């Protein structure tokens, strides 16, 4: 089973859209076909972004349904403690924690809708792929 880091952009896309590759990625996590990795930082980001008014307005689910879905998702995640901080010189330094989580948890892929923000790191890790949900599903 692939260990993956699911970027917040993918989780939120799955909440907002009724279909699509982001939703399929989350479905596969919930079915145990993928093992999503999570850290405290990513958990807090998921919680904060899912509660934004703009997101709640676009989401077809009720707040209780979103909470249930997040609880189900968190229950299948593997919690990873970050002991070493990598500074990969990303355009958005706030995304470094995704790479740190992937490296600490030995993930095969980071699945994100923000490809250019994560692919342009000065420090690269062999074997770690950064893919859009649709590319991951196609096996690219």
C-alpha atoms as a PDB file:
ATOM      1  CA  UNK A   1       0.000   0.000   0.000  1.00  0.00           C
ATOM      2  CA  UNK A   2       1.409   3.374  -1.033  1.00  0.00           C
ATOM      3  CA  UNK A   3       2.144   5.863   1.707  1.00  0.00           C
ATOM      4  CA  UNK A   4       1.086   9.306   0.546  1.00  0.00           C
ATOM      5  CA  UNK A   5       0.864  12.853   1.837  1.00  0.00           C
ATOM      6  CA  UNK A   6      -2.426  14.474   0.858  1.00  0.00           C
ATOM      7  CA  UNK A   7      -2.051  18.229   0.513  1.00  0.00           C
ATOM      8  CA  UNK A   8      -4.839  20.368   1.959  1.00  0.00           C
ATOM      9  CA  UNK A   9      -5.757  21.500  -1.565  1.00  0.00           C
ATOM     10  CA  UNK A  10      -6.718  17.912  -2.437  1.00  0.00           C
ATOM     11  CA  UNK A  11      -8.733  17.332   0.732  1.00  0.00           C
ATOM     12  CA  UNK A  12     -10.643  20.589   0.245  1.00  0.00           C
ATOM     13  CA  UNK A  13     -11.255  19.820  -3.460  1.00  0.00           C
ATOM     14  CA  UNK A  14     -12.771  16.501  -2.395  1.00  0.00           C
ATOM     15  CA  UNK A  15     -15.130  18.302  -0.006  1.00  0.00           C
ATOM     16  CA  UNK A  16     -16.231  20.885  -2.557  1.00  0.00           C
ATOM     17  CA  UNK A  17     -16.545  18.706  -5.658  1.00  0.00           C
ATOM     18  CA  UNK A  18     -19.147  15.994  -6.063  1.00  0.00           C
ATOM     19  CA  UNK A  19     -16.831  13.984  -8.321  1.00  0.00           C
ATOM     20  CA  UNK A  20     -13.283  14.170  -9.579  1.00  0.00           C
ATOM     21  CA  UNK A  21      -9.783  12.874  -8.964  1.00  0.00           C
ATOM     22  CA  UNK A  22      -9.361  14.522  -5.543  1.00  0.00           C
ATOM     23  CA  UNK A  23     -12.488  12.793  -4.287  1.00  0.00           C
ATOM     24  CA  UNK A  24     -11.265   9.467  -5.704  1.00  0.00           C
ATOM     25  CA  UNK A  25      -7.932   9.821  -3.887  1.00  0.00           C
ATOM     26  CA  UNK A  26      -9.709  10.431  -0.579  1.00  0.00           C
ATOM     27  CA  UNK A  27     -12.076   7.501  -1.289  1.00  0.00           C
ATOM     28  CA  UNK A  28      -9.091   5.205  -1.816  1.00  0.00           C
ATOM     29  CA  UNK A  29      -7.638   6.366   1.500  1.00  0.00           C
ATOM     30  CA  UNK A  30     -10.908   5.632   3.286  1.00  0.00           C
ATOM     31  CA  UNK A  31     -11.082   2.175   1.663  1.00  0.00           C
ATOM     32  CA  UNK A  32      -7.570   1.338   2.846  1.00  0.00           C
ATOM     33  CA  UNK A  33      -6.035   1.304  -0.638  1.00  0.00           C
ATOM     34  CA  UNK A  34      -3.711   4.206   0.230  1.00  0.00           C
ATOM     35  CA  UNK A  35      -2.097   5.043   3.566  1.00  0.00           C
ATOM     36  CA  UNK A  36      -2.221   8.807   4.118  1.00  0.00           C
ATOM     37  CA  UNK A  37       0.413  10.247   6.418  1.00  0.00           C
ATOM     38  CA  UNK A  38      -0.393  13.085   8.772  1.00  0.00           C
ATOM     39  CA  UNK A  39       1.421  15.323  11.223  1.00  0.00           C
ATOM     40  CA  UNK A  40       0.184  17.821  13.764  1.00  0.00           C
ATOM     41  CA  UNK A  41       0.854  20.693  11.350  1.00  0.00           C
ATOM     42  CA  UNK A  42      -1.115  19.095   8.517  1.00  0.00           C
ATOM     43  CA  UNK A  43      -3.953  18.111  10.874  1.00  0.00           C
ATOM     44  CA  UNK A  44      -4.271  21.712  12.062  1.00  0.00           C
ATOM     45  CA  UNK A  45      -4.212  23.021   8.499  1.00  0.00           C
ATOM     46  CA  UNK A  46      -6.959  20.587   7.404  1.00  0.00           C
ATOM     47  CA  UNK A  47      -9.095  21.690  10.353  1.00  0.00           C
ATOM     48  CA  UNK A  48      -8.553  25.417   9.814  1.00  0.00           C
ATOM     49  CA  UNK A  49      -9.096  25.479   6.052  1.00  0.00           C
ATOM     50  CA  UNK A  50     -12.182  23.237   6.151  1.00  0.00           C
ATOM     51  CA  UNK A  51     -13.810  25.690   8.582  1.00  0.00           C
ATOM     52  CA  UNK A  52     -13.302  28.803   6.451  1.00  0.00           C
ATOM     53  CA  UNK A  53     -16.562  30.496   5.510  1.00  0.00           C
ATOM     54  CA  UNK A  54     -15.687  30.483   1.805  1.00  0.00           C
ATOM     55  CA  UNK A  55     -15.148  26.703   1.892  1.00  0.00           C
ATOM     56  CA  UNK A  56     -18.316  26.047   3.916  1.00  0.00           C
ATOM     57  CA  UNK A  57     -20.337  28.054   1.380  1.00  0.00           C
ATOM     58  CA  UNK A  58     -19.015  25.949  -1.528  1.00  0.00           C
ATOM     59  CA  UNK A  59     -19.287  22.587   0.216  1.00  0.00           C
ATOM     60  CA  UNK A  60     -22.462  20.548  -0.401  1.00  0.00           C
ATOM     61  CA  UNK A  61     -21.993  18.780   2.952  1.00  0.00           C
ATOM     62  CA  UNK A  62     -23.279  20.025   6.279  1.00  0.00           C
ATOM     63  CA  UNK A  63     -20.772  20.972   8.944  1.00  0.00           C
ATOM     64  CA  UNK A  64     -21.589  17.749  10.818  1.00  0.00           C
ATOM     65  CA  UNK A  65     -20.994  15.696   7.663  1.00  0.00           C
ATOM     66  CA  UNK A  66     -17.656  17.432   7.074  1.00  0.00           C
ATOM     67  CA  UNK A  67     -16.660  16.682  10.672  1.00  0.00           C
ATOM     68  CA  UNK A  68     -17.658  13.021  10.244  1.00  0.00           C
ATOM     69  CA  UNK A  69     -15.704  12.757   7.003  1.00  0.00           C
ATOM     70  CA  UNK A  70     -12.614  14.342   8.563  1.00  0.00           C
ATOM     71  CA  UNK A  71     -12.874  12.015  11.570  1.00  0.00           C
ATOM     72  CA  UNK A  72     -13.101   8.995   9.241  1.00  0.00           C
ATOM     73  CA  UNK A  73     -10.142  10.269   7.231  1.00  0.00           C
ATOM     74  CA  UNK A  74      -8.039  10.906  10.352  1.00  0.00           C
ATOM     75  CA  UNK A  75      -8.816   7.384  11.575  1.00  0.00           C
ATOM     76  CA  UNK A  76      -7.071   5.845   8.549  1.00  0.00           C
ATOM     77  CA  UNK A  77      -4.069   8.177   8.657  1.00  0.00           C
ATOM     78  CA  UNK A  78      -0.677   7.178   9.984  1.00  0.00           C
ATOM     79  CA  UNK A  79       0.539   9.829  12.398  1.00  0.00           C
ATOM     80  CA  UNK A  80       4.173  10.756  11.879  1.00  0.00           C
ATOM     81  CA  UNK A  81       6.359  12.786  14.196  1.00  0.00           C
ATOM     82  CA  UNK A  82       8.773  15.148  12.505  1.00  0.00           C
ATOM     83  CA  UNK A  83      12.191  15.062  14.144  1.00  0.00           C
ATOM     84  CA  UNK A  84      14.224  16.816  11.473  1.00  0.00           C
ATOM     85  CA  UNK A  85      13.301  19.986   9.605  1.00  0.00           C
ATOM     86  CA  UNK A  86      14.336  20.252   5.958  1.00  0.00           C
ATOM     87  CA  UNK A  87      14.642  23.625   4.308  1.00  0.00           C
ATOM     88  CA  UNK A  88      14.117  22.861   0.651  1.00  0.00           C
ATOM     89  CA  UNK A  89      13.855  26.525  -0.401  1.00  0.00           C
ATOM     90  CA  UNK A  90      10.345  26.256  -1.761  1.00  0.00           C
ATOM     91  CA  UNK A  91       8.682  29.355  -3.184  1.00  0.00           C
ATOM     92  CA  UNK A  92       6.220  29.132  -0.285  1.00  0.00           C
ATOM     93  CA  UNK A  93       8.275  28.251   2.808  1.00  0.00           C
ATOM     94  CA  UNK A  94       4.996  27.298   4.489  1.00  0.00           C
ATOM     95  CA  UNK A  95       4.889  24.149   2.321  1.00  0.00           C
ATOM     96  CA  UNK A  96       8.164  22.732   3.690  1.00  0.00           C
ATOM     97  CA  UNK A  97       6.230  20.740   6.283  1.00  0.00           C
ATOM     98  CA  UNK A  98       4.711  18.589   3.510  1.00  0.00           C
ATOM     99  CA  UNK A  99       8.145  17.491   2.336  1.00  0.00           C
ATOM    100  CA  UNK A 100       9.291  16.992   5.924  1.00  0.00           C
ATOM    101  CA  UNK A 101       6.278  14.762   6.572  1.00  0.00           C
ATOM    102  CA  UNK A 102       6.826  12.776   3.380  1.00  0.00           C
ATOM    103  CA  UNK A 103      10.507  12.195   4.179  1.00  0.00           C
ATOM    104  CA  UNK A 104       9.890  11.330   7.853  1.00  0.00           C
ATOM    105  CA  UNK A 105       7.080   8.921   6.950  1.00  0.00           C
ATOM    106  CA  UNK A 106       8.854   7.393   3.941  1.00  0.00           C
ATOM    107  CA  UNK A 107       6.043   8.411   1.560  1.00  0.00           C
ATOM    108  CA  UNK A 108       6.132   7.538  -2.117  1.00  0.00           C
ATOM    109  CA  UNK A 109       4.156  10.615  -3.208  1.00  0.00           C
ATOM    110  CA  UNK A 110       2.829  13.996  -2.232  1.00  0.00           C
ATOM    111  CA  UNK A 111      -0.537  14.468  -3.908  1.00  0.00           C
ATOM    112  CA  UNK A 112      -1.309  18.141  -4.475  1.00  0.00           C
ATOM    113  CA  UNK A 113      -3.038  20.628  -6.730  1.00  0.00           C
ATOM    114  CA  UNK A 114      -0.127  23.042  -6.179  1.00  0.00           C
ATOM    115  CA  UNK A 115       2.482  21.317  -8.335  1.00  0.00           C
ATOM    116  CA  UNK A 116       4.672  24.284  -9.165  1.00  0.00           C
ATOM    117  CA  UNK A 117       4.935  25.282  -5.508  1.00  0.00           C
ATOM    118  CA  UNK A 118       6.311  21.871  -4.502  1.00  0.00           C
ATOM    119  CA  UNK A 119       8.255  20.746  -7.563  1.00  0.00           C
ATOM    120  CA  UNK A 120      10.719  23.627  -7.578  1.00  0.00           C
ATOM    121  CA  UNK A 121      12.567  22.726  -4.392  1.00  0.00           C
ATOM    122  CA  UNK A 122      16.315  23.163  -4.447  1.00  0.00           C
ATOM    123  CA  UNK A 123      16.688  20.059  -2.267  1.00  0.00           C
ATOM    124  CA  UNK A 124      15.236  16.969  -3.981  1.00  0.00           C
ATOM    125  CA  UNK A 125      14.618  13.530  -2.469  1.00  0.00           C
ATOM    126  CA  UNK A 126      15.047  10.467  -4.673  1.00  0.00           C
ATOM    127  CA  UNK A 127      11.899   8.384  -4.907  1.00  0.00           C
ATOM    128  CA  UNK A 128       9.543  11.123  -3.698  1.00  0.00           C
ATOM    129  CA  UNK A 129       7.094  12.114  -6.404  1.00  0.00           C
ATOM    130  CA  UNK A 130       4.942  15.245  -6.395  1.00  0.00           C
ATOM    131  CA  UNK A 131       1.804  14.549  -8.406  1.00  0.00           C
ATOM    132  CA  UNK A 132      -1.616  16.015  -9.134  1.00  0.00           C
ATOM    133  CA  UNK A 133      -4.487  13.710  -8.098  1.00  0.00           C
ATOM    134  CA  UNK A 134      -5.294  12.819 -11.712  1.00  0.00           C
ATOM    135  CA  UNK A 135      -1.648  11.945 -12.445  1.00  0.00           C
ATOM    136  CA  UNK A 136      -1.409   9.808  -9.327  1.00  0.00           C
ATOM    137  CA  UNK A 137      -4.556   7.906 -10.313  1.00  0.00           C
ATOM    138  CA  UNK A 138      -3.195   7.322 -13.831  1.00  0.00           C
ATOM    139  CA  UNK A 139      -0.019   5.913 -12.320  1.00  0.00           C
ATOM    140  CA  UNK A 140       2.223   8.544 -13.862  1.00  0.00           C
END
